[in-house]
């Protein structure tokens, strides 16, 4: 089990997530670097920050989330900070977006909700301590030309509502 504080960053291998991993490591956290497909980048980041471990899972799949929770119990035994950073953009506007693309976005949001609930129950509520940080880029709120931002905005609002409820 890990004695120092543990932070988990979803989508931690690239972009904003990787920057979060570096910052948390510099503050003394052992960092769980979550990735779905970016194994080589996650491995390189793990080598760079030294005290960290890798967590591979497709967050749209609840069985993989359960496997990840089991891995967290075995490897770390604790989660002090969860950074929900993983995202999925669809390069289609609302008129051309296919139902399958919309469902992929919704499945990821559902998975992030489920992961947050599981980490709260398993690690944070039991010790009455922990922090959840929901991260989004400006593109997650506004989209880029040719991207669907309507659902991204709904997802962000849902995460904000969830945290608001937890604080009260």
N, C-alpha and C. Protein backbone atom coordinates (compact mmCIF):
# COMPACT_ATOMS: atom_id res chain seq x y z
N UNK A 1 0.83 -1.19 0.00
CA UNK A 1 0.00 0.00 0.00
C UNK A 1 0.87 1.26 0.00
N UNK A 2 0.34 2.28 -0.57
CA UNK A 2 1.07 3.54 -0.70
C UNK A 2 0.74 4.44 0.49
N UNK A 3 1.78 4.99 1.11
CA UNK A 3 1.59 5.84 2.30
C UNK A 3 1.32 7.30 1.94
N UNK A 4 1.93 7.78 0.86
CA UNK A 4 1.74 9.19 0.51
C UNK A 4 0.38 9.38 -0.15
N UNK A 5 -0.12 10.61 -0.24
CA UNK A 5 -1.42 10.84 -0.88
C UNK A 5 -1.42 10.36 -2.33
N UNK A 6 -2.57 9.85 -2.75
CA UNK A 6 -2.71 9.28 -4.10
C UNK A 6 -3.72 10.11 -4.88
N UNK A 7 -3.34 10.49 -6.08
CA UNK A 7 -4.24 11.20 -7.00
C UNK A 7 -4.41 10.35 -8.26
N UNK A 8 -5.61 10.28 -8.77
CA UNK A 8 -5.92 9.59 -10.01
C UNK A 8 -6.33 10.64 -11.03
N UNK A 9 -5.74 10.57 -12.22
CA UNK A 9 -6.09 11.51 -13.29
C UNK A 9 -6.59 10.71 -14.48
N UNK A 10 -7.89 10.85 -14.80
CA UNK A 10 -8.41 10.17 -15.98
C UNK A 10 -7.93 10.93 -17.22
N UNK A 11 -7.64 10.17 -18.27
CA UNK A 11 -7.07 10.81 -19.45
C UNK A 11 -5.74 11.46 -19.13
N UNK A 12 -4.96 10.80 -18.26
CA UNK A 12 -3.75 11.41 -17.72
C UNK A 12 -2.52 11.32 -18.59
N UNK A 13 -2.58 10.59 -19.68
CA UNK A 13 -1.37 10.37 -20.48
C UNK A 13 -1.05 11.51 -21.44
N UNK A 14 -2.03 12.35 -21.74
CA UNK A 14 -1.81 13.37 -22.76
C UNK A 14 -2.41 14.71 -22.33
N UNK A 15 -1.98 15.77 -22.99
CA UNK A 15 -2.59 17.08 -22.86
C UNK A 15 -2.73 17.61 -21.45
N UNK A 16 -3.93 18.11 -21.15
CA UNK A 16 -4.21 18.69 -19.84
C UNK A 16 -4.02 17.65 -18.74
N UNK A 17 -4.43 16.40 -19.01
CA UNK A 17 -4.28 15.34 -18.02
C UNK A 17 -2.82 15.11 -17.64
N UNK A 18 -1.95 15.09 -18.63
CA UNK A 18 -0.52 14.90 -18.35
C UNK A 18 0.03 16.07 -17.53
N UNK A 19 -0.42 17.28 -17.84
CA UNK A 19 0.01 18.45 -17.06
C UNK A 19 -0.48 18.33 -15.61
N UNK A 20 -1.70 17.82 -15.43
CA UNK A 20 -2.21 17.60 -14.06
C UNK A 20 -1.36 16.57 -13.34
N UNK A 21 -1.00 15.50 -14.02
CA UNK A 21 -0.15 14.47 -13.41
C UNK A 21 1.18 15.05 -12.95
N UNK A 22 1.80 15.83 -13.81
CA UNK A 22 3.09 16.44 -13.45
C UNK A 22 2.94 17.37 -12.24
N UNK A 23 1.89 18.20 -12.24
CA UNK A 23 1.69 19.15 -11.15
C UNK A 23 1.42 18.41 -9.83
N UNK A 24 0.58 17.39 -9.86
CA UNK A 24 0.29 16.64 -8.64
C UNK A 24 1.52 15.91 -8.13
N UNK A 25 2.30 15.37 -9.03
CA UNK A 25 3.55 14.70 -8.63
C UNK A 25 4.50 15.69 -7.97
N UNK A 26 4.60 16.88 -8.54
CA UNK A 26 5.49 17.91 -7.98
C UNK A 26 5.03 18.34 -6.59
N UNK A 27 3.73 18.16 -6.29
CA UNK A 27 3.19 18.51 -4.97
C UNK A 27 3.27 17.34 -3.99
N UNK A 28 3.88 16.23 -4.41
CA UNK A 28 4.10 15.13 -3.48
C UNK A 28 3.12 13.97 -3.57
N UNK A 29 2.26 13.96 -4.56
CA UNK A 29 1.31 12.87 -4.72
C UNK A 29 1.93 11.71 -5.50
N UNK A 30 1.52 10.51 -5.17
CA UNK A 30 1.74 9.36 -6.04
C UNK A 30 0.56 9.39 -7.01
N UNK A 31 0.84 9.37 -8.31
CA UNK A 31 -0.19 9.64 -9.31
C UNK A 31 -0.54 8.39 -10.10
N UNK A 32 -1.84 8.08 -10.12
CA UNK A 32 -2.36 7.03 -10.99
C UNK A 32 -2.68 7.65 -12.33
N UNK A 33 -1.96 7.23 -13.36
CA UNK A 33 -2.12 7.79 -14.70
C UNK A 33 -3.07 6.89 -15.47
N UNK A 34 -4.31 7.35 -15.64
CA UNK A 34 -5.29 6.57 -16.39
C UNK A 34 -5.13 6.87 -17.88
N UNK A 35 -5.29 5.83 -18.68
CA UNK A 35 -5.29 5.98 -20.13
C UNK A 35 -6.21 4.91 -20.72
N UNK A 36 -6.65 5.15 -21.93
CA UNK A 36 -7.44 4.15 -22.64
C UNK A 36 -6.58 3.48 -23.69
N UNK A 37 -5.99 4.28 -24.59
CA UNK A 37 -5.19 3.74 -25.69
C UNK A 37 -3.74 4.23 -25.69
N UNK A 38 -3.41 5.25 -24.93
CA UNK A 38 -2.12 5.93 -25.02
C UNK A 38 -1.07 5.29 -24.11
N UNK A 39 -0.86 3.99 -24.26
CA UNK A 39 0.05 3.27 -23.36
C UNK A 39 1.47 3.85 -23.39
N UNK A 40 2.03 4.06 -24.57
CA UNK A 40 3.41 4.53 -24.65
C UNK A 40 3.57 5.91 -24.01
N UNK A 41 2.61 6.79 -24.23
CA UNK A 41 2.69 8.12 -23.62
C UNK A 41 2.51 8.04 -22.11
N UNK A 42 1.61 7.15 -21.66
CA UNK A 42 1.42 6.98 -20.21
C UNK A 42 2.68 6.42 -19.56
N UNK A 43 3.30 5.47 -20.23
CA UNK A 43 4.53 4.86 -19.71
C UNK A 43 5.66 5.89 -19.64
N UNK A 44 5.78 6.72 -20.68
CA UNK A 44 6.81 7.77 -20.69
C UNK A 44 6.57 8.77 -19.56
N UNK A 45 5.32 9.14 -19.34
CA UNK A 45 4.99 10.06 -18.25
C UNK A 45 5.29 9.43 -16.90
N UNK A 46 4.98 8.16 -16.74
CA UNK A 46 5.28 7.47 -15.48
C UNK A 46 6.78 7.51 -15.21
N UNK A 47 7.59 7.29 -16.22
CA UNK A 47 9.04 7.35 -16.06
C UNK A 47 9.49 8.76 -15.68
N UNK A 48 8.83 9.74 -16.23
CA UNK A 48 9.18 11.14 -15.96
C UNK A 48 8.85 11.55 -14.52
N UNK A 49 7.67 11.17 -14.04
CA UNK A 49 7.27 11.64 -12.70
C UNK A 49 7.77 10.74 -11.58
N UNK A 50 8.26 9.57 -11.91
CA UNK A 50 8.85 8.62 -10.96
C UNK A 50 7.82 7.91 -10.09
N UNK A 51 7.12 8.62 -9.21
CA UNK A 51 6.18 7.95 -8.29
C UNK A 51 4.78 7.99 -8.86
N UNK A 52 4.47 6.94 -9.59
CA UNK A 52 3.15 6.84 -10.19
C UNK A 52 2.91 5.42 -10.66
N UNK A 53 1.71 5.16 -11.11
CA UNK A 53 1.36 3.85 -11.63
C UNK A 53 0.33 4.04 -12.73
N UNK A 54 0.22 3.04 -13.59
CA UNK A 54 -0.64 3.12 -14.76
C UNK A 54 -1.97 2.43 -14.49
N UNK A 55 -3.03 3.00 -15.03
CA UNK A 55 -4.38 2.44 -14.93
C UNK A 55 -5.00 2.45 -16.32
N UNK A 56 -5.10 1.29 -16.94
CA UNK A 56 -5.70 1.21 -18.27
C UNK A 56 -7.16 0.81 -18.15
N UNK A 57 -8.05 1.57 -18.75
CA UNK A 57 -9.46 1.22 -18.77
C UNK A 57 -10.19 2.08 -19.78
N UNK A 58 -11.18 1.48 -20.42
CA UNK A 58 -12.13 2.23 -21.23
C UNK A 58 -13.24 2.63 -20.26
N UNK A 59 -13.35 3.91 -19.97
CA UNK A 59 -14.30 4.38 -18.97
C UNK A 59 -15.75 4.28 -19.43
N UNK A 60 -15.98 3.89 -20.66
CA UNK A 60 -17.34 3.65 -21.13
C UNK A 60 -17.80 2.24 -20.76
N UNK A 61 -16.91 1.43 -20.20
CA UNK A 61 -17.19 0.02 -19.89
C UNK A 61 -17.14 -0.18 -18.37
N UNK A 62 -18.28 -0.44 -17.75
CA UNK A 62 -18.32 -0.56 -16.29
C UNK A 62 -17.49 -1.74 -15.78
N UNK A 63 -17.37 -2.81 -16.55
CA UNK A 63 -16.52 -3.93 -16.10
C UNK A 63 -15.06 -3.49 -16.00
N UNK A 64 -14.61 -2.68 -16.95
CA UNK A 64 -13.24 -2.18 -16.90
C UNK A 64 -13.07 -1.20 -15.74
N UNK A 65 -14.10 -0.43 -15.42
CA UNK A 65 -14.03 0.46 -14.27
C UNK A 65 -13.91 -0.36 -12.98
N UNK A 66 -14.68 -1.43 -12.87
CA UNK A 66 -14.60 -2.29 -11.69
C UNK A 66 -13.20 -2.91 -11.56
N UNK A 67 -12.62 -3.31 -12.68
CA UNK A 67 -11.26 -3.84 -12.67
C UNK A 67 -10.28 -2.76 -12.20
N UNK A 68 -10.50 -1.54 -12.63
CA UNK A 68 -9.65 -0.42 -12.23
C UNK A 68 -9.78 -0.15 -10.72
N UNK A 69 -10.99 -0.23 -10.18
CA UNK A 69 -11.20 -0.05 -8.74
C UNK A 69 -10.44 -1.14 -7.97
N UNK A 70 -10.52 -2.38 -8.45
CA UNK A 70 -9.78 -3.47 -7.82
C UNK A 70 -8.28 -3.23 -7.85
N UNK A 71 -7.79 -2.73 -8.98
CA UNK A 71 -6.37 -2.42 -9.10
C UNK A 71 -5.99 -1.32 -8.11
N UNK A 72 -6.84 -0.31 -7.96
CA UNK A 72 -6.56 0.77 -7.00
C UNK A 72 -6.49 0.24 -5.58
N UNK A 73 -7.40 -0.67 -5.23
CA UNK A 73 -7.37 -1.28 -3.89
C UNK A 73 -6.06 -2.01 -3.67
N UNK A 74 -5.64 -2.79 -4.66
CA UNK A 74 -4.44 -3.62 -4.53
C UNK A 74 -3.15 -2.79 -4.54
N UNK A 75 -3.06 -1.84 -5.45
CA UNK A 75 -1.82 -1.08 -5.64
C UNK A 75 -1.68 0.05 -4.63
N UNK A 76 -2.75 0.82 -4.45
CA UNK A 76 -2.65 2.05 -3.65
C UNK A 76 -3.35 1.95 -2.30
N UNK A 77 -4.50 1.29 -2.28
CA UNK A 77 -5.26 1.20 -1.04
C UNK A 77 -5.94 2.49 -0.63
N UNK A 78 -5.83 3.50 -1.45
CA UNK A 78 -6.42 4.80 -1.13
C UNK A 78 -6.53 5.65 -2.39
N UNK A 79 -7.43 6.61 -2.38
CA UNK A 79 -7.51 7.66 -3.39
C UNK A 79 -7.87 8.93 -2.65
N UNK A 80 -6.99 9.91 -2.70
CA UNK A 80 -7.20 11.18 -2.02
C UNK A 80 -7.75 12.26 -2.96
N UNK A 81 -7.40 12.15 -4.24
CA UNK A 81 -7.84 13.13 -5.23
C UNK A 81 -8.20 12.37 -6.51
N UNK A 82 -9.36 12.70 -7.07
CA UNK A 82 -9.75 12.19 -8.39
C UNK A 82 -9.88 13.38 -9.31
N UNK A 83 -9.13 13.37 -10.40
CA UNK A 83 -9.23 14.41 -11.41
C UNK A 83 -9.92 13.80 -12.63
N UNK A 84 -11.18 14.20 -12.85
CA UNK A 84 -11.94 13.74 -14.02
C UNK A 84 -11.57 14.63 -15.20
N UNK A 85 -10.69 14.11 -16.03
CA UNK A 85 -10.18 14.87 -17.16
C UNK A 85 -10.51 14.21 -18.49
N UNK A 86 -10.77 12.91 -18.51
CA UNK A 86 -11.00 12.20 -19.77
C UNK A 86 -12.16 12.83 -20.53
N UNK A 87 -12.01 12.92 -21.83
CA UNK A 87 -13.05 13.50 -22.67
C UNK A 87 -13.08 12.84 -24.03
N UNK A 88 -14.14 13.14 -24.75
CA UNK A 88 -14.30 12.58 -26.09
C UNK A 88 -15.00 13.60 -26.97
N UNK A 89 -14.29 14.10 -27.95
CA UNK A 89 -14.87 15.05 -28.90
C UNK A 89 -15.27 14.32 -30.16
N UNK A 90 -16.35 14.76 -30.74
CA UNK A 90 -16.82 14.20 -32.01
C UNK A 90 -16.65 15.26 -33.07
N UNK A 91 -15.96 14.91 -34.12
CA UNK A 91 -15.74 15.85 -35.21
C UNK A 91 -16.91 15.82 -36.18
N UNK A 92 -18.04 16.29 -35.69
CA UNK A 92 -19.25 16.39 -36.50
C UNK A 92 -20.15 17.42 -35.85
N UNK A 93 -20.82 18.20 -36.68
CA UNK A 93 -21.78 19.13 -36.10
C UNK A 93 -23.08 18.38 -35.82
N UNK A 94 -24.01 19.04 -35.19
CA UNK A 94 -25.24 18.38 -34.77
C UNK A 94 -26.05 17.85 -35.95
N UNK A 95 -25.91 18.45 -37.11
CA UNK A 95 -26.67 18.00 -38.28
C UNK A 95 -26.11 16.74 -38.92
N UNK A 96 -24.81 16.50 -38.74
CA UNK A 96 -24.19 15.33 -39.37
C UNK A 96 -23.77 14.25 -38.37
N UNK A 97 -23.88 14.56 -37.09
CA UNK A 97 -23.48 13.60 -36.06
C UNK A 97 -24.39 12.38 -36.10
N UNK A 98 -23.77 11.20 -36.03
CA UNK A 98 -24.52 9.95 -36.04
C UNK A 98 -24.90 9.57 -34.61
N UNK A 99 -25.95 8.78 -34.49
CA UNK A 99 -26.42 8.33 -33.18
C UNK A 99 -25.31 7.58 -32.43
N UNK A 100 -24.52 6.79 -33.14
CA UNK A 100 -23.43 6.05 -32.50
C UNK A 100 -22.39 6.99 -31.89
N UNK A 101 -22.12 8.10 -32.57
CA UNK A 101 -21.17 9.07 -32.04
C UNK A 101 -21.72 9.73 -30.78
N UNK A 102 -23.00 10.06 -30.79
CA UNK A 102 -23.63 10.63 -29.60
C UNK A 102 -23.58 9.62 -28.44
N UNK A 103 -23.88 8.36 -28.75
CA UNK A 103 -23.85 7.32 -27.73
C UNK A 103 -22.46 7.12 -27.14
N UNK A 104 -21.40 7.26 -27.96
CA UNK A 104 -20.03 7.16 -27.44
C UNK A 104 -19.76 8.26 -26.41
N UNK A 105 -20.19 9.48 -26.71
CA UNK A 105 -20.02 10.57 -25.75
C UNK A 105 -20.79 10.30 -24.47
N UNK A 106 -22.03 9.89 -24.61
CA UNK A 106 -22.87 9.62 -23.43
C UNK A 106 -22.29 8.47 -22.60
N UNK A 107 -21.78 7.43 -23.24
CA UNK A 107 -21.20 6.28 -22.52
C UNK A 107 -19.99 6.71 -21.69
N UNK A 108 -19.16 7.59 -22.23
CA UNK A 108 -18.01 8.07 -21.48
C UNK A 108 -18.46 8.89 -20.27
N UNK A 109 -19.42 9.77 -20.47
CA UNK A 109 -19.93 10.59 -19.36
C UNK A 109 -20.54 9.69 -18.29
N UNK A 110 -21.31 8.69 -18.70
CA UNK A 110 -21.88 7.74 -17.75
C UNK A 110 -20.77 7.02 -16.98
N UNK A 111 -19.72 6.62 -17.68
CA UNK A 111 -18.60 5.93 -17.05
C UNK A 111 -17.86 6.80 -16.05
N UNK A 112 -17.69 8.06 -16.37
CA UNK A 112 -17.02 8.99 -15.44
C UNK A 112 -17.88 9.17 -14.20
N UNK A 113 -19.20 9.27 -14.39
CA UNK A 113 -20.10 9.33 -13.23
C UNK A 113 -19.95 8.08 -12.38
N UNK A 114 -19.92 6.91 -13.02
CA UNK A 114 -19.82 5.65 -12.29
C UNK A 114 -18.48 5.54 -11.56
N UNK A 115 -17.39 5.90 -12.22
CA UNK A 115 -16.07 5.87 -11.58
C UNK A 115 -16.06 6.80 -10.36
N UNK A 116 -16.60 8.00 -10.51
CA UNK A 116 -16.64 8.95 -9.39
C UNK A 116 -17.41 8.35 -8.22
N UNK A 117 -18.56 7.77 -8.50
CA UNK A 117 -19.37 7.15 -7.44
C UNK A 117 -18.61 6.03 -6.75
N UNK A 118 -17.93 5.19 -7.52
CA UNK A 118 -17.19 4.05 -6.94
C UNK A 118 -16.02 4.53 -6.09
N UNK A 119 -15.29 5.54 -6.56
CA UNK A 119 -14.16 6.06 -5.78
C UNK A 119 -14.66 6.74 -4.50
N UNK A 120 -15.76 7.48 -4.60
CA UNK A 120 -16.34 8.08 -3.40
C UNK A 120 -16.67 7.00 -2.38
N UNK A 121 -17.38 5.98 -2.80
CA UNK A 121 -17.81 4.93 -1.88
C UNK A 121 -16.64 4.13 -1.32
N UNK A 122 -15.73 3.73 -2.19
CA UNK A 122 -14.67 2.83 -1.79
C UNK A 122 -13.57 3.50 -1.00
N UNK A 123 -13.27 4.75 -1.32
CA UNK A 123 -12.08 5.37 -0.75
C UNK A 123 -12.35 6.65 0.05
N UNK A 124 -13.20 7.52 -0.43
CA UNK A 124 -13.31 8.85 0.17
C UNK A 124 -14.31 8.93 1.31
N UNK A 125 -15.51 8.43 1.14
CA UNK A 125 -16.53 8.54 2.19
C UNK A 125 -16.15 7.76 3.43
N UNK A 126 -15.45 6.66 3.27
CA UNK A 126 -15.05 5.84 4.41
C UNK A 126 -14.11 6.58 5.35
N UNK A 127 -13.32 7.48 4.79
CA UNK A 127 -12.41 8.23 5.65
C UNK A 127 -12.81 9.70 5.76
N UNK A 128 -13.99 10.03 5.23
CA UNK A 128 -14.52 11.40 5.29
C UNK A 128 -13.51 12.42 4.77
N UNK A 129 -12.86 12.05 3.68
CA UNK A 129 -11.85 12.94 3.12
C UNK A 129 -11.67 12.63 1.65
N UNK A 130 -11.28 13.63 0.90
CA UNK A 130 -10.99 13.45 -0.51
C UNK A 130 -11.43 14.66 -1.32
N UNK A 131 -10.90 14.74 -2.52
CA UNK A 131 -11.22 15.85 -3.42
C UNK A 131 -11.51 15.29 -4.81
N UNK A 132 -12.51 15.89 -5.47
CA UNK A 132 -12.84 15.56 -6.85
C UNK A 132 -12.73 16.84 -7.65
N UNK A 133 -11.99 16.76 -8.73
CA UNK A 133 -11.78 17.92 -9.60
C UNK A 133 -12.24 17.53 -10.99
N UNK A 134 -13.18 18.29 -11.55
CA UNK A 134 -13.64 18.05 -12.92
C UNK A 134 -12.99 19.08 -13.83
N UNK A 135 -12.32 18.58 -14.86
CA UNK A 135 -11.54 19.43 -15.76
C UNK A 135 -12.17 19.42 -17.14
N UNK A 136 -12.15 20.57 -17.78
CA UNK A 136 -12.59 20.65 -19.16
C UNK A 136 -11.80 21.75 -19.84
N UNK A 137 -11.49 21.54 -21.09
CA UNK A 137 -10.88 22.62 -21.86
C UNK A 137 -11.99 23.54 -22.34
N UNK A 138 -11.64 24.67 -22.85
CA UNK A 138 -12.64 25.59 -23.41
C UNK A 138 -13.36 24.91 -24.57
N UNK A 139 -12.67 24.05 -25.30
CA UNK A 139 -13.30 23.34 -26.42
C UNK A 139 -14.40 22.41 -25.90
N UNK A 140 -14.24 21.90 -24.69
CA UNK A 140 -15.29 21.07 -24.11
C UNK A 140 -16.58 21.83 -23.87
N UNK A 141 -16.48 23.14 -23.72
CA UNK A 141 -17.67 23.97 -23.49
C UNK A 141 -18.19 24.59 -24.77
N UNK A 142 -17.29 24.97 -25.68
CA UNK A 142 -17.71 25.70 -26.87
C UNK A 142 -17.59 24.89 -28.14
N UNK A 143 -16.72 23.89 -28.14
CA UNK A 143 -16.48 23.13 -29.36
C UNK A 143 -15.62 23.92 -30.33
N UNK A 144 -15.11 23.23 -31.30
CA UNK A 144 -14.41 23.86 -32.41
C UNK A 144 -15.34 23.84 -33.61
N UNK A 145 -14.98 24.56 -34.64
CA UNK A 145 -15.78 24.52 -35.86
C UNK A 145 -15.91 23.07 -36.31
N UNK A 146 -17.14 22.65 -36.57
CA UNK A 146 -17.37 21.29 -37.06
C UNK A 146 -17.47 20.25 -35.96
N UNK A 147 -17.44 20.67 -34.69
CA UNK A 147 -17.57 19.71 -33.58
C UNK A 147 -18.88 19.95 -32.85
N UNK A 148 -19.41 18.90 -32.30
CA UNK A 148 -20.63 19.00 -31.51
C UNK A 148 -20.27 19.44 -30.11
N UNK A 149 -20.69 20.63 -29.71
CA UNK A 149 -20.42 21.09 -28.36
C UNK A 149 -21.65 21.02 -27.48
N UNK A 150 -22.82 20.73 -28.04
CA UNK A 150 -24.04 20.71 -27.25
C UNK A 150 -23.96 19.67 -26.14
N UNK A 151 -23.56 18.47 -26.49
CA UNK A 151 -23.51 17.43 -25.47
C UNK A 151 -22.36 17.66 -24.50
N UNK A 152 -21.23 18.16 -24.98
CA UNK A 152 -20.11 18.45 -24.08
C UNK A 152 -20.55 19.43 -23.00
N UNK A 153 -21.31 20.44 -23.38
CA UNK A 153 -21.79 21.41 -22.40
C UNK A 153 -22.73 20.76 -21.39
N UNK A 154 -23.59 19.86 -21.86
CA UNK A 154 -24.49 19.14 -20.96
C UNK A 154 -23.69 18.29 -19.98
N UNK A 155 -22.63 17.64 -20.45
CA UNK A 155 -21.80 16.81 -19.59
C UNK A 155 -21.13 17.65 -18.51
N UNK A 156 -20.58 18.79 -18.91
CA UNK A 156 -19.93 19.66 -17.95
C UNK A 156 -20.92 20.15 -16.91
N UNK A 157 -22.11 20.52 -17.35
CA UNK A 157 -23.13 20.97 -16.41
C UNK A 157 -23.50 19.85 -15.44
N UNK A 158 -23.59 18.64 -15.93
CA UNK A 158 -23.91 17.50 -15.08
C UNK A 158 -22.84 17.27 -14.02
N UNK A 159 -21.59 17.38 -14.40
CA UNK A 159 -20.49 17.21 -13.44
C UNK A 159 -20.52 18.31 -12.39
N UNK A 160 -20.78 19.53 -12.83
CA UNK A 160 -20.84 20.65 -11.89
C UNK A 160 -21.99 20.43 -10.91
N UNK A 161 -23.15 19.99 -11.41
CA UNK A 161 -24.29 19.71 -10.53
C UNK A 161 -23.95 18.61 -9.53
N UNK A 162 -23.27 17.57 -9.99
CA UNK A 162 -22.89 16.45 -9.12
C UNK A 162 -22.01 16.95 -7.97
N UNK A 163 -21.02 17.75 -8.25
CA UNK A 163 -20.13 18.25 -7.22
C UNK A 163 -20.88 19.19 -6.28
N UNK A 164 -21.77 20.01 -6.84
CA UNK A 164 -22.57 20.91 -6.01
C UNK A 164 -23.39 20.11 -5.01
N UNK A 165 -24.00 19.02 -5.45
CA UNK A 165 -24.78 18.16 -4.58
C UNK A 165 -23.91 17.55 -3.48
N UNK A 166 -22.70 17.12 -3.84
CA UNK A 166 -21.81 16.47 -2.87
C UNK A 166 -21.36 17.45 -1.78
N UNK A 167 -21.20 18.71 -2.13
CA UNK A 167 -20.76 19.70 -1.15
C UNK A 167 -21.83 19.99 -0.10
N UNK A 168 -23.08 19.85 -0.47
CA UNK A 168 -24.19 20.18 0.45
C UNK A 168 -24.64 19.03 1.30
